[in-house]
C-alpha atoms as a PDB file:
ATOM      1  CA  UNK A   1       0.274  -0.030   0.410  1.00  0.00           C
ATOM      2  CA  UNK A   2       1.329   3.383  -0.904  1.00  0.00           C
ATOM      3  CA  UNK A   3       2.230   5.046   2.730  1.00  0.00           C
ATOM      4  CA  UNK A   4       0.622   8.478   1.686  1.00  0.00           C
ATOM      5  CA  UNK A   5      -2.858   6.719   2.663  1.00  0.00           C
ATOM      6  CA  UNK A   6      -1.262   6.878   6.072  1.00  0.00           C
ATOM      7  CA  UNK A   7      -0.442  10.609   5.926  1.00  0.00           C
ATOM      8  CA  UNK A   8      -2.510  13.451   8.158  1.00  0.00           C
ATOM      9  CA  UNK A   9      -1.755  17.131   9.339  1.00  0.00           C
ATOM     10  CA  UNK A  10      -1.707  17.612  13.200  1.00  0.00           C
ATOM     11  CA  UNK A  11      -1.556  20.558  14.609  1.00  0.00           C
ATOM     12  CA  UNK A  12       2.036  21.551  16.663  1.00  0.00           C
ATOM     13  CA  UNK A  13      -0.076  22.335  19.766  1.00  0.00           C
ATOM     14  CA  UNK A  14      -1.812  18.577  19.654  1.00  0.00           C
ATOM     15  CA  UNK A  15       1.659  16.747  21.093  1.00  0.00           C
ATOM     16  CA  UNK A  16       1.134  16.428  24.597  1.00  0.00           C
ATOM     17  CA  UNK A  17       4.458  17.423  26.378  1.00  0.00           C
ATOM     18  CA  UNK A  18       3.404  16.070  29.886  1.00  0.00           C
ATOM     19  CA  UNK A  19       1.151  12.977  30.791  1.00  0.00           C
ATOM     20  CA  UNK A  20      -2.271  13.903  32.249  1.00  0.00           C
ATOM     21  CA  UNK A  21      -2.719  14.076  36.324  1.00  0.00           C
ATOM     22  CA  UNK A  22      -3.021  11.890  37.468  1.00  0.00           C
ATOM     23  CA  UNK A  23      -2.909   9.287  35.050  1.00  0.00           C
ATOM     24  CA  UNK A  24      -5.973   7.965  34.701  1.00  0.00           C
ATOM     25  CA  UNK A  25      -7.643  11.790  34.503  1.00  0.00           C
ATOM     26  CA  UNK A  26      -6.413  11.566  30.704  1.00  0.00           C
ATOM     27  CA  UNK A  27      -9.224  11.545  27.588  1.00  0.00           C
ATOM     28  CA  UNK A  28     -10.092   8.209  25.884  1.00  0.00           C
ATOM     29  CA  UNK A  29     -12.004   8.232  22.888  1.00  0.00           C
ATOM     30  CA  UNK A  30     -14.150   5.030  22.430  1.00  0.00           C
ATOM     31  CA  UNK A  31     -14.352   3.750  18.665  1.00  0.00           C
ATOM     32  CA  UNK A  32     -16.876   1.531  18.491  1.00  0.00           C
ATOM     33  CA  UNK A  33     -18.358   0.090  15.008  1.00  0.00           C
ATOM     34  CA  UNK A  34     -21.040   2.965  14.654  1.00  0.00           C
ATOM     35  CA  UNK A  35     -20.448   5.752  16.868  1.00  0.00           C
ATOM     36  CA  UNK A  36     -17.504   7.383  18.608  1.00  0.00           C
ATOM     37  CA  UNK A  37     -17.855   8.812  22.653  1.00  0.00           C
ATOM     38  CA  UNK A  38     -15.689  11.118  24.120  1.00  0.00           C
ATOM     39  CA  UNK A  39     -14.540   9.455  27.887  1.00  0.00           C
ATOM     40  CA  UNK A  40     -11.811   9.292  30.416  1.00  0.00           C
ATOM     41  CA  UNK A  41      -9.124   6.575  30.851  1.00  0.00           C
ATOM     42  CA  UNK A  42     -10.957   6.058  34.387  1.00  0.00           C
ATOM     43  CA  UNK A  43     -14.289   4.907  32.553  1.00  0.00           C
ATOM     44  CA  UNK A  44     -12.459   1.645  31.064  1.00  0.00           C
ATOM     45  CA  UNK A  45     -13.767  -0.539  33.662  1.00  0.00           C
ATOM     46  CA  UNK A  46     -17.147   0.281  32.777  1.00  0.00           C
ATOM     47  CA  UNK A  47     -16.432  -0.348  29.260  1.00  0.00           C
ATOM     48  CA  UNK A  48     -14.769  -3.863  29.813  1.00  0.00           C
ATOM     49  CA  UNK A  49     -17.025  -7.575  30.729  1.00  0.00           C
ATOM     50  CA  UNK A  50     -16.853  -9.715  33.025  1.00  0.00           C
ATOM     51  CA  UNK A  51     -14.574 -12.766  32.139  1.00  0.00           C
ATOM     52  CA  UNK A  52     -12.206  -9.930  29.609  1.00  0.00           C
ATOM     53  CA  UNK A  53      -8.265 -10.359  30.157  1.00  0.00           C
ATOM     54  CA  UNK A  54      -6.255  -7.340  30.134  1.00  0.00           C
ATOM     55  CA  UNK A  55      -3.045  -7.906  28.190  1.00  0.00           C
ATOM     56  CA  UNK A  56      -0.029  -5.555  29.667  1.00  0.00           C
ATOM     57  CA  UNK A  57       3.391  -4.953  28.794  1.00  0.00           C
ATOM     58  CA  UNK A  58       6.136  -5.389  31.847  1.00  0.00           C
ATOM     59  CA  UNK A  59       8.766  -3.620  29.964  1.00  0.00           C
ATOM     60  CA  UNK A  60      11.045  -1.557  32.038  1.00  0.00           C
ATOM     61  CA  UNK A  61      12.629   1.657  30.225  1.00  0.00           C
ATOM     62  CA  UNK A  62      16.241   2.018  30.718  1.00  0.00           C
ATOM     63  CA  UNK A  63      17.706   5.358  30.390  1.00  0.00           C
ATOM     64  CA  UNK A  64      19.526   4.671  26.975  1.00  0.00           C
ATOM     65  CA  UNK A  65      20.646   8.275  25.428  1.00  0.00           C
ATOM     66  CA  UNK A  66      23.816   9.466  26.080  1.00  0.00           C
ATOM     67  CA  UNK A  67      26.149  12.219  24.625  1.00  0.00           C
ATOM     68  CA  UNK A  68      29.559  11.457  24.472  1.00  0.00           C
ATOM     69  CA  UNK A  69      32.453  11.965  22.189  1.00  0.00           C
ATOM     70  CA  UNK A  70      34.804   9.887  20.061  1.00  0.00           C
ATOM     71  CA  UNK A  71      38.102  11.651  19.683  1.00  0.00           C
ATOM     72  CA  UNK A  72      37.555  15.427  19.944  1.00  0.00           C
ATOM     73  CA  UNK A  73      34.042  14.942  17.913  1.00  0.00           C
ATOM     74  CA  UNK A  74      30.843  15.031  19.883  1.00  0.00           C
ATOM     75  CA  UNK A  75      28.659  12.108  19.337  1.00  0.00           C
ATOM     76  CA  UNK A  76      24.680  11.123  20.234  1.00  0.00           C
ATOM     77  CA  UNK A  77      23.577   7.888  21.193  1.00  0.00           C
ATOM     78  CA  UNK A  78      20.659   6.020  21.417  1.00  0.00           C
ATOM     79  CA  UNK A  79      20.506   2.237  22.401  1.00  0.00           C
ATOM     80  CA  UNK A  80      18.196   0.560  20.247  1.00  0.00           C
ATOM     81  CA  UNK A  81      18.605  -3.655  21.807  1.00  0.00           C
ATOM     82  CA  UNK A  82      20.900  -5.652  23.425  1.00  0.00           C
ATOM     83  CA  UNK A  83      22.340  -8.473  21.512  1.00  0.00           C
ATOM     84  CA  UNK A  84      24.484  -9.911  25.020  1.00  0.00           C
ATOM     85  CA  UNK A  85      24.873  -9.397  28.220  1.00  0.00           C
ATOM     86  CA  UNK A  86      27.844  -6.471  27.304  1.00  0.00           C
ATOM     87  CA  UNK A  87      26.604  -5.146  23.856  1.00  0.00           C
ATOM     88  CA  UNK A  88      23.900  -2.862  22.374  1.00  0.00           C
ATOM     89  CA  UNK A  89      22.724  -2.140  18.859  1.00  0.00           C
ATOM     90  CA  UNK A  90      21.783   1.430  18.772  1.00  0.00           C
ATOM     91  CA  UNK A  91      21.333   4.639  16.401  1.00  0.00           C
ATOM     92  CA  UNK A  92      24.291   7.194  16.774  1.00  0.00           C
ATOM     93  CA  UNK A  93      24.948  10.619  15.361  1.00  0.00           C
ATOM     94  CA  UNK A  94      26.711  11.706  13.358  1.00  0.00           C
ATOM     95  CA  UNK A  95      27.142   7.953  11.819  1.00  0.00           C
ATOM     96  CA  UNK A  96      30.259   8.833  10.184  1.00  0.00           C
ATOM     97  CA  UNK A  97      31.983   9.038  13.299  1.00  0.00           C
ATOM     98  CA  UNK A  98      31.466   5.590  14.404  1.00  0.00           C
ATOM     99  CA  UNK A  99      33.822   3.403  12.073  1.00  0.00           C
ATOM    100  CA  UNK A 100      34.431   0.068  13.176  1.00  0.00           C
ATOM    101  CA  UNK A 101      36.527  -0.235  16.386  1.00  0.00           C
ATOM    102  CA  UNK A 102      36.182   2.983  17.167  1.00  0.00           C
ATOM    103  CA  UNK A 103      36.308   4.529  20.972  1.00  0.00           C
ATOM    104  CA  UNK A 104      33.787   6.183  22.579  1.00  0.00           C
ATOM    105  CA  UNK A 105      33.433   7.766  25.871  1.00  0.00           C
ATOM    106  CA  UNK A 106      30.517   8.505  27.021  1.00  0.00           C
ATOM    107  CA  UNK A 107      30.132  11.842  29.109  1.00  0.00           C
ATOM    108  CA  UNK A 108      30.415  10.247  32.699  1.00  0.00           C
ATOM    109  CA  UNK A 109      33.277   7.843  32.288  1.00  0.00           C
ATOM    110  CA  UNK A 110      31.884   4.644  30.306  1.00  0.00           C
ATOM    111  CA  UNK A 111      33.563   3.789  27.600  1.00  0.00           C
ATOM    112  CA  UNK A 112      32.211   1.264  24.373  1.00  0.00           C
ATOM    113  CA  UNK A 113      34.027   0.372  21.207  1.00  0.00           C
ATOM    114  CA  UNK A 114      32.145   0.126  18.107  1.00  0.00           C
ATOM    115  CA  UNK A 115      32.353  -3.463  16.802  1.00  0.00           C
ATOM    116  CA  UNK A 116      29.840  -3.452  13.626  1.00  0.00           C
ATOM    117  CA  UNK A 117      27.428  -1.715  11.462  1.00  0.00           C
ATOM    118  CA  UNK A 118      24.512  -2.600  10.368  1.00  0.00           C
ATOM    119  CA  UNK A 119      22.346  -1.669   7.187  1.00  0.00           C
ATOM    120  CA  UNK A 120      19.782  -0.290   8.816  1.00  0.00           C
ATOM    121  CA  UNK A 121      22.042   2.864  10.346  1.00  0.00           C
ATOM    122  CA  UNK A 122      22.279   1.445  13.123  1.00  0.00           C
ATOM    123  CA  UNK A 123      25.790   0.116  14.955  1.00  0.00           C
ATOM    124  CA  UNK A 124      27.125  -2.301  17.649  1.00  0.00           C
ATOM    125  CA  UNK A 125      28.822  -1.215  20.695  1.00  0.00           C
ATOM    126  CA  UNK A 126      30.545  -3.459  23.150  1.00  0.00           C
ATOM    127  CA  UNK A 127      30.863  -2.404  26.931  1.00  0.00           C
ATOM    128  CA  UNK A 128      33.506  -3.283  29.640  1.00  0.00           C
ATOM    129  CA  UNK A 129      30.477  -3.891  31.730  1.00  0.00           C
ATOM    130  CA  UNK A 130      27.838  -6.317  31.810  1.00  0.00           C
ATOM    131  CA  UNK A 131      24.153  -7.588  33.029  1.00  0.00           C
ATOM    132  CA  UNK A 132      23.243  -5.553  36.545  1.00  0.00           C
ATOM    133  CA  UNK A 133      26.448  -3.532  36.111  1.00  0.00           C
ATOM    134  CA  UNK A 134      25.836  -2.399  32.535  1.00  0.00           C
ATOM    135  CA  UNK A 135      22.265  -1.219  33.571  1.00  0.00           C
ATOM    136  CA  UNK A 136      23.537   0.298  36.761  1.00  0.00           C
ATOM    137  CA  UNK A 137      26.223   2.479  34.649  1.00  0.00           C
ATOM    138  CA  UNK A 138      23.405   3.291  32.007  1.00  0.00           C
ATOM    139  CA  UNK A 139      21.186   4.600  34.958  1.00  0.00           C
ATOM    140  CA  UNK A 140      23.950   6.976  35.978  1.00  0.00           C
ATOM    141  CA  UNK A 141      24.902   8.358  32.794  1.00  0.00           C
ATOM    142  CA  UNK A 142      21.999   7.921  30.624  1.00  0.00           C
ATOM    143  CA  UNK A 143      18.760  10.276  30.038  1.00  0.00           C
ATOM    144  CA  UNK A 144      15.243   8.974  29.788  1.00  0.00           C
ATOM    145  CA  UNK A 145      14.864   9.031  25.664  1.00  0.00           C
ATOM    146  CA  UNK A 146      11.745  10.564  25.038  1.00  0.00           C
ATOM    147  CA  UNK A 147      10.543  10.214  21.497  1.00  0.00           C
ATOM    148  CA  UNK A 148      12.044  13.321  19.507  1.00  0.00           C
ATOM    149  CA  UNK A 149       8.626  14.993  19.071  1.00  0.00           C
ATOM    150  CA  UNK A 150       9.116  15.600  22.588  1.00  0.00           C
ATOM    151  CA  UNK A 151      12.969  16.382  22.948  1.00  0.00           C
ATOM    152  CA  UNK A 152      13.303  18.843  20.201  1.00  0.00           C
ATOM    153  CA  UNK A 153      10.556  20.485  22.474  1.00  0.00           C
ATOM    154  CA  UNK A 154      12.002  20.751  25.746  1.00  0.00           C
ATOM    155  CA  UNK A 155      15.185  18.222  27.273  1.00  0.00           C
ATOM    156  CA  UNK A 156      14.201  15.457  29.496  1.00  0.00           C
ATOM    157  CA  UNK A 157      14.360  16.172  33.136  1.00  0.00           C
ATOM    158  CA  UNK A 158      14.105  14.278  35.981  1.00  0.00           C
ATOM    159  CA  UNK A 159      10.245  13.909  36.461  1.00  0.00           C
ATOM    160  CA  UNK A 160      10.446  11.954  33.507  1.00  0.00           C
ATOM    161  CA  UNK A 161      12.260   8.945  35.038  1.00  0.00           C
ATOM    162  CA  UNK A 162       8.478   8.638  36.677  1.00  0.00           C
ATOM    163  CA  UNK A 163       6.555   9.596  34.054  1.00  0.00           C
ATOM    164  CA  UNK A 164       7.884   7.576  31.148  1.00  0.00           C
ATOM    165  CA  UNK A 165       7.575   4.360  33.159  1.00  0.00           C
ATOM    166  CA  UNK A 166       4.330   2.399  33.724  1.00  0.00           C
ATOM    167  CA  UNK A 167       3.176   1.037  36.792  1.00  0.00           C
ATOM    168  CA  UNK A 168       3.855  -2.490  35.276  1.00  0.00           C
ATOM    169  CA  UNK A 169       7.269  -2.072  34.777  1.00  0.00           C
ATOM    170  CA  UNK A 170       9.373  -4.886  35.711  1.00  0.00           C
ATOM    171  CA  UNK A 171      11.632  -6.518  33.079  1.00  0.00           C
ATOM    172  CA  UNK A 172      14.678  -3.743  32.046  1.00  0.00           C
ATOM    173  CA  UNK A 173      15.141  -3.900  28.393  1.00  0.00           C
ATOM    174  CA  UNK A 174      12.935  -0.962  26.721  1.00  0.00           C
ATOM    175  CA  UNK A 175      14.069   2.323  25.385  1.00  0.00           C
ATOM    176  CA  UNK A 176      10.478   3.776  24.485  1.00  0.00           C
ATOM    177  CA  UNK A 177       7.684   3.489  26.686  1.00  0.00           C
ATOM    178  CA  UNK A 178       4.801   0.961  25.929  1.00  0.00           C
ATOM    179  CA  UNK A 179       2.618   4.364  26.340  1.00  0.00           C
ATOM    180  CA  UNK A 180      -0.880   3.094  26.950  1.00  0.00           C
ATOM    181  CA  UNK A 181      -0.122   1.610  29.922  1.00  0.00           C
ATOM    182  CA  UNK A 182       1.365   5.097  31.040  1.00  0.00           C
ATOM    183  CA  UNK A 183      -2.728   5.696  31.703  1.00  0.00           C
ATOM    184  CA  UNK A 184      -2.777   3.213  34.429  1.00  0.00           C
ATOM    185  CA  UNK A 185      -2.879   3.778  38.235  1.00  0.00           C
ATOM    186  CA  UNK A 186      -3.334   1.407  41.342  1.00  0.00           C
ATOM    187  CA  UNK A 187      -6.805   2.825  41.765  1.00  0.00           C
ATOM    188  CA  UNK A 188      -7.921   1.963  38.265  1.00  0.00           C
ATOM    189  CA  UNK A 189      -6.606  -1.327  38.216  1.00  0.00           C
ATOM    190  CA  UNK A 190      -8.115  -2.406  40.980  1.00  0.00           C
ATOM    191  CA  UNK A 191     -11.655  -1.211  39.950  1.00  0.00           C
ATOM    192  CA  UNK A 192     -10.814  -3.323  36.686  1.00  0.00           C
ATOM    193  CA  UNK A 193     -10.314  -6.294  38.475  1.00  0.00           C
ATOM    194  CA  UNK A 194     -13.865  -5.469  40.633  1.00  0.00           C
ATOM    195  CA  UNK A 195     -15.456  -5.613  37.311  1.00  0.00           C
ATOM    196  CA  UNK A 196     -14.457  -9.244  37.045  1.00  0.00           C
ATOM    197  CA  UNK A 197     -11.645  -8.123  34.512  1.00  0.00           C
ATOM    198  CA  UNK A 198      -8.270 -10.317  34.567  1.00  0.00           C
ATOM    199  CA  UNK A 199      -5.224  -9.517  34.389  1.00  0.00           C
ATOM    200  CA  UNK A 200      -1.525 -10.584  32.477  1.00  0.00           C
ATOM    201  CA  UNK A 201       1.255  -9.417  31.335  1.00  0.00           C
ATOM    202  CA  UNK A 202       3.486  -9.850  28.378  1.00  0.00           C
ATOM    203  CA  UNK A 203       6.996  -8.429  28.099  1.00  0.00           C
ATOM    204  CA  UNK A 204       8.148  -6.827  24.877  1.00  0.00           C
ATOM    205  CA  UNK A 205      11.468  -4.785  24.372  1.00  0.00           C
ATOM    206  CA  UNK A 206      10.568  -2.144  22.399  1.00  0.00           C
ATOM    207  CA  UNK A 207      13.609  -0.440  20.466  1.00  0.00           C
ATOM    208  CA  UNK A 208      14.240   2.956  19.087  1.00  0.00           C
ATOM    209  CA  UNK A 209      13.193   2.131  15.695  1.00  0.00           C
ATOM    210  CA  UNK A 210       9.608   2.793  16.747  1.00  0.00           C
ATOM    211  CA  UNK A 211      10.464   6.274  16.008  1.00  0.00           C
ATOM    212  CA  UNK A 212      11.973   5.798  13.145  1.00  0.00           C
ATOM    213  CA  UNK A 213      10.167   7.124  10.109  1.00  0.00           C
ATOM    214  CA  UNK A 214       8.650   5.084   6.815  1.00  0.00           C
ATOM    215  CA  UNK A 215      10.878   6.432   4.268  1.00  0.00           C
ATOM    216  CA  UNK A 216       9.534   4.274   1.184  1.00  0.00           C
ATOM    217  CA  UNK A 217       6.982   4.813  -0.869  1.00  0.00           C
ATOM    218  CA  UNK A 218       5.345   1.835  -0.359  1.00  0.00           C
ATOM    219  CA  UNK A 219       4.438  -0.179   2.979  1.00  0.00           C
ATOM    220  CA  UNK A 220       6.013  -3.367   1.026  1.00  0.00           C
ATOM    221  CA  UNK A 221       9.511  -1.942   0.928  1.00  0.00           C
ATOM    222  CA  UNK A 222       9.827  -0.802   4.366  1.00  0.00           C
ATOM    223  CA  UNK A 223      12.381  -2.914   6.875  1.00  0.00           C
ATOM    224  CA  UNK A 224      10.886  -3.124  10.181  1.00  0.00           C
ATOM    225  CA  UNK A 225      13.589  -3.228  13.046  1.00  0.00           C
ATOM    226  CA  UNK A 226      13.664  -6.800  15.189  1.00  0.00           C
ATOM    227  CA  UNK A 227      12.302  -6.417  18.924  1.00  0.00           C
ATOM    228  CA  UNK A 228      13.202  -9.249  21.388  1.00  0.00           C
ATOM    229  CA  UNK A 229       9.849 -10.368  23.573  1.00  0.00           C
ATOM    230  CA  UNK A 230       8.763 -13.167  25.322  1.00  0.00           C
ATOM    231  CA  UNK A 231       4.893 -14.620  26.046  1.00  0.00           C
ATOM    232  CA  UNK A 232       5.359 -17.535  28.712  1.00  0.00           C
ATOM    233  CA  UNK A 233       3.092 -20.460  29.229  1.00  0.00           C
ATOM    234  CA  UNK A 234       1.185 -18.902  32.022  1.00  0.00           C
ATOM    235  CA  UNK A 235      -0.019 -16.017  29.972  1.00  0.00           C
ATOM    236  CA  UNK A 236      -0.538 -18.491  27.296  1.00  0.00           C
ATOM    237  CA  UNK A 237      -2.708 -20.745  29.647  1.00  0.00           C
ATOM    238  CA  UNK A 238      -4.464 -17.281  31.216  1.00  0.00           C
ATOM    239  CA  UNK A 239      -5.328 -16.251  27.426  1.00  0.00           C
ATOM    240  CA  UNK A 240      -6.783 -19.970  26.728  1.00  0.00           C
ATOM    241  CA  UNK A 241      -8.726 -19.473  29.442  1.00  0.00           C
ATOM    242  CA  UNK A 242     -10.067 -16.736  28.523  1.00  0.00           C
ATOM    243  CA  UNK A 243     -11.332 -17.975  25.174  1.00  0.00           C
ATOM    244  CA  UNK A 244     -12.895 -20.791  26.605  1.00  0.00           C
ATOM    245  CA  UNK A 245     -14.695 -18.731  29.193  1.00  0.00           C
ATOM    246  CA  UNK A 246     -16.001 -16.470  26.236  1.00  0.00           C
ATOM    247  CA  UNK A 247     -13.935 -13.397  27.574  1.00  0.00           C
ATOM    248  CA  UNK A 248     -12.203 -10.727  24.991  1.00  0.00           C
ATOM    249  CA  UNK A 249      -8.390 -10.499  25.127  1.00  0.00           C
ATOM    250  CA  UNK A 250      -7.624  -6.780  25.118  1.00  0.00           C
ATOM    251  CA  UNK A 251      -4.276  -5.495  24.221  1.00  0.00           C
ATOM    252  CA  UNK A 252      -2.808  -2.413  26.329  1.00  0.00           C
ATOM    253  CA  UNK A 253      -0.783  -1.033  23.487  1.00  0.00           C
ATOM    254  CA  UNK A 254       0.236  -1.766  20.176  1.00  0.00           C
ATOM    255  CA  UNK A 255       3.666  -3.445  21.666  1.00  0.00           C
ATOM    256  CA  UNK A 256       1.435  -6.061  23.795  1.00  0.00           C
ATOM    257  CA  UNK A 257      -0.639  -6.541  20.300  1.00  0.00           C
ATOM    258  CA  UNK A 258       2.028  -6.586  17.920  1.00  0.00           C
ATOM    259  CA  UNK A 259       3.464  -9.637  20.419  1.00  0.00           C
ATOM    260  CA  UNK A 260       0.094 -11.385  20.943  1.00  0.00           C
ATOM    261  CA  UNK A 261      -0.211 -11.477  17.244  1.00  0.00           C
ATOM    262  CA  UNK A 262       3.536 -13.049  16.726  1.00  0.00           C
ATOM    263  CA  UNK A 263       3.032 -15.758  19.220  1.00  0.00           C
ATOM    264  CA  UNK A 264      -0.638 -16.454  17.664  1.00  0.00           C
ATOM    265  CA  UNK A 265      -0.545 -19.595  15.012  1.00  0.00           C
ATOM    266  CA  UNK A 266      -3.378 -19.832  12.549  1.00  0.00           C
ATOM    267  CA  UNK A 267      -6.022 -21.123  14.730  1.00  0.00           C
ATOM    268  CA  UNK A 268      -5.468 -18.020  16.843  1.00  0.00           C
ATOM    269  CA  UNK A 269      -4.148 -20.117  19.713  1.00  0.00           C
ATOM    270  CA  UNK A 270      -1.518 -18.074  21.364  1.00  0.00           C
ATOM    271  CA  UNK A 271       1.736 -20.319  22.458  1.00  0.00           C
ATOM    272  CA  UNK A 272       4.746 -19.752  24.533  1.00  0.00           C
ATOM    273  CA  UNK A 273       7.314 -16.983  22.641  1.00  0.00           C
ATOM    274  CA  UNK A 274      10.600 -15.862  23.331  1.00  0.00           C
ATOM    275  CA  UNK A 275      12.407 -14.417  20.400  1.00  0.00           C
ATOM    276  CA  UNK A 276      12.614 -11.465  18.118  1.00  0.00           C
ATOM    277  CA  UNK A 277       9.846 -10.140  15.996  1.00  0.00           C
ATOM    278  CA  UNK A 278       9.679  -8.077  13.075  1.00  0.00           C
ATOM    279  CA  UNK A 279       5.906  -8.142  12.514  1.00  0.00           C
ATOM    280  CA  UNK A 280       4.675  -5.473  10.646  1.00  0.00           C
ATOM    281  CA  UNK A 281       0.627  -5.304  10.474  1.00  0.00           C
ATOM    282  CA  UNK A 282      -0.714  -3.062   7.454  1.00  0.00           C
ATOM    283  CA  UNK A 283      -4.460  -2.945   6.039  1.00  0.00           C
ATOM    284  CA  UNK A 284      -5.542  -6.477   4.861  1.00  0.00           C
ATOM    285  CA  UNK A 285      -3.598  -8.489   8.168  1.00  0.00           C
ATOM    286  CA  UNK A 286      -6.350 -11.390   9.624  1.00  0.00           C
ATOM    287  CA  UNK A 287      -5.804 -11.045  13.202  1.00  0.00           C
ATOM    288  CA  UNK A 288      -5.907 -14.080  15.208  1.00  0.00           C
ATOM    289  CA  UNK A 289      -5.522 -13.038  19.426  1.00  0.00           C
ATOM    290  CA  UNK A 290      -6.784  -9.762  20.134  1.00  0.00           C
ATOM    291  CA  UNK A 291     -10.199  -8.489  20.249  1.00  0.00           C
ATOM    292  CA  UNK A 292      -9.709  -4.903  21.315  1.00  0.00           C
ATOM    293  CA  UNK A 293      -7.099  -2.466  21.820  1.00  0.00           C
ATOM    294  CA  UNK A 294      -5.965   0.296  24.160  1.00  0.00           C
ATOM    295  CA  UNK A 295      -3.729   2.977  22.625  1.00  0.00           C
ATOM    296  CA  UNK A 296      -2.211   6.299  22.441  1.00  0.00           C
ATOM    297  CA  UNK A 297      -2.537   8.378  19.359  1.00  0.00           C
ATOM    298  CA  UNK A 298       0.018   7.807  16.561  1.00  0.00           C
ATOM    299  CA  UNK A 299       2.462   9.383  14.228  1.00  0.00           C
ATOM    300  CA  UNK A 300       1.267   9.964  10.577  1.00  0.00           C
ATOM    301  CA  UNK A 301       2.767   7.727   8.322  1.00  0.00           C
ATOM    302  CA  UNK A 302       3.569   5.423  10.593  1.00  0.00           C
ATOM    303  CA  UNK A 303       3.641   1.706  11.253  1.00  0.00           C
ATOM    304  CA  UNK A 304       1.606   2.018  14.434  1.00  0.00           C
ATOM    305  CA  UNK A 305      -0.819   4.211  12.717  1.00  0.00           C
ATOM    306  CA  UNK A 306      -1.021   1.476  10.063  1.00  0.00           C
ATOM    307  CA  UNK A 307      -1.391  -0.971  12.302  1.00  0.00           C
ATOM    308  CA  UNK A 308      -4.648   1.010  14.013  1.00  0.00           C
ATOM    309  CA  UNK A 309      -5.856   1.181  10.325  1.00  0.00           C
ATOM    310  CA  UNK A 310      -5.612  -2.440   9.878  1.00  0.00           C
ATOM    311  CA  UNK A 311      -7.460  -3.173  13.521  1.00  0.00           C
ATOM    312  CA  UNK A 312     -10.260  -0.809  12.614  1.00  0.00           C
ATOM    313  CA  UNK A 313     -10.090  -0.317   8.720  1.00  0.00           C
ATOM    314  CA  UNK A 314      -8.489   2.719   6.922  1.00  0.00           C
ATOM    315  CA  UNK A 315     -11.546   4.965   6.597  1.00  0.00           C
ATOM    316  CA  UNK A 316     -12.629   4.548   9.922  1.00  0.00           C
ATOM    317  CA  UNK A 317      -9.009   4.792  11.565  1.00  0.00           C
ATOM    318  CA  UNK A 318      -8.945   8.625   9.463  1.00  0.00           C
ATOM    319  CA  UNK A 319     -12.451   9.295  10.949  1.00  0.00           C
ATOM    320  CA  UNK A 320     -11.475   8.435  14.714  1.00  0.00           C
ATOM    321  CA  UNK A 321      -8.258  10.564  14.022  1.00  0.00           C
ATOM    322  CA  UNK A 322     -10.420  13.435  12.705  1.00  0.00           C
ATOM    323  CA  UNK A 323     -12.346  13.628  15.258  1.00  0.00           C
ATOM    324  CA  UNK A 324      -9.750  13.432  18.281  1.00  0.00           C
ATOM    325  CA  UNK A 325      -7.739  16.128  16.335  1.00  0.00           C
ATOM    326  CA  UNK A 326     -11.249  18.502  15.755  1.00  0.00           C
ATOM    327  CA  UNK A 327     -12.164  17.561  19.698  1.00  0.00           C
ATOM    328  CA  UNK A 328      -8.584  18.419  21.073  1.00  0.00           C
ATOM    329  CA  UNK A 329      -7.213  15.509  21.967  1.00  0.00           C
ATOM    330  CA  UNK A 330      -3.334  15.452  23.163  1.00  0.00           C
ATOM    331  CA  UNK A 331      -1.496  12.956  21.332  1.00  0.00           C
ATOM    332  CA  UNK A 332       1.628  10.411  21.123  1.00  0.00           C
ATOM    333  CA  UNK A 333       3.401   8.896  24.286  1.00  0.00           C
ATOM    334  CA  UNK A 334       2.308  11.255  26.970  1.00  0.00           C
ATOM    335  CA  UNK A 335      -1.036  12.189  25.096  1.00  0.00           C
ATOM    336  CA  UNK A 336      -4.975  11.097  25.638  1.00  0.00           C
ATOM    337  CA  UNK A 337      -5.672   7.454  24.456  1.00  0.00           C
ATOM    338  CA  UNK A 338      -8.237   5.474  22.195  1.00  0.00           C
ATOM    339  CA  UNK A 339     -10.334   2.069  22.525  1.00  0.00           C
ATOM    340  CA  UNK A 340     -10.546   0.430  19.891  1.00  0.00           C
ATOM    341  CA  UNK A 341     -12.943  -2.200  18.788  1.00  0.00           C
ATOM    342  CA  UNK A 342     -11.776  -4.803  15.787  1.00  0.00           C
ATOM    343  CA  UNK A 343     -13.290  -4.771  12.922  1.00  0.00           C
ATOM    344  CA  UNK A 344     -14.564  -7.945  12.399  1.00  0.00           C
ATOM    345  CA  UNK A 345     -15.715  -8.459  16.268  1.00  0.00           C
END
């Protein structure tokens, strides 16, 4: 499909620079098949049914953005994905400075060596530390990897260490937040549980590739970057039990949805999964695992808006976004949310 089909105009003032306070006070655009309702996230329990299963992403964002130098040249690094206990791929600027075997001195003293270069523009960096010690060094030297559309307008600060982390965050490894989960509070989760809705978690470590624009003219020519994910046997069993009792699978975020669809067989059964996924969902995709999607509002021409268009139909997706813009919804990572029901539901 032509990428131009997924373009739309968004006023700059629609981009949220801070999250709503409290988190569950954010607006929620509910898009059933025949109408749109303007609610707030706190209304979510009443939109779910007893027996439904909420699937959240329990990945934890690490401080993954660094400044440093190679020789006398200043450089910038955004980690992408772990490729070993002591090595990460990363997107870097200026890329031409990151020659093989180049030594990078990160502000604060952490060092790295360039050990590889990828076709997608990323480099591989090897560090002298590994495991928890390396994570501690990242926490000391790094800043939270706010999306470019926020970072261009303000610098990360101490608030972002908490704001850009969901209440479910447990497994370190993401360099971007699974932003639909940012709206949840303990009080909201308690109300959802009281409704008779169960919850389970998957892990998808979101990479920096999520912020990369689609440069191809046609979706068939776009290369997705791999991201590591895990679906445990217990989660697969919880999904099967929800299906058996007639409950719906409600994915909190496109990250949860992409991983569940990666782990689902042709018959729709979700199996335990541990590995990388490059799944790229565009209109025409036949969903197998997810019935309802809670997700924030995404960039034009992005793979995530394409996913939304596949889930509800392109014409419906454009109508939803036109309504959101007209009604002043706040967009992107720190913005408001939507609750979408699959076209075939």
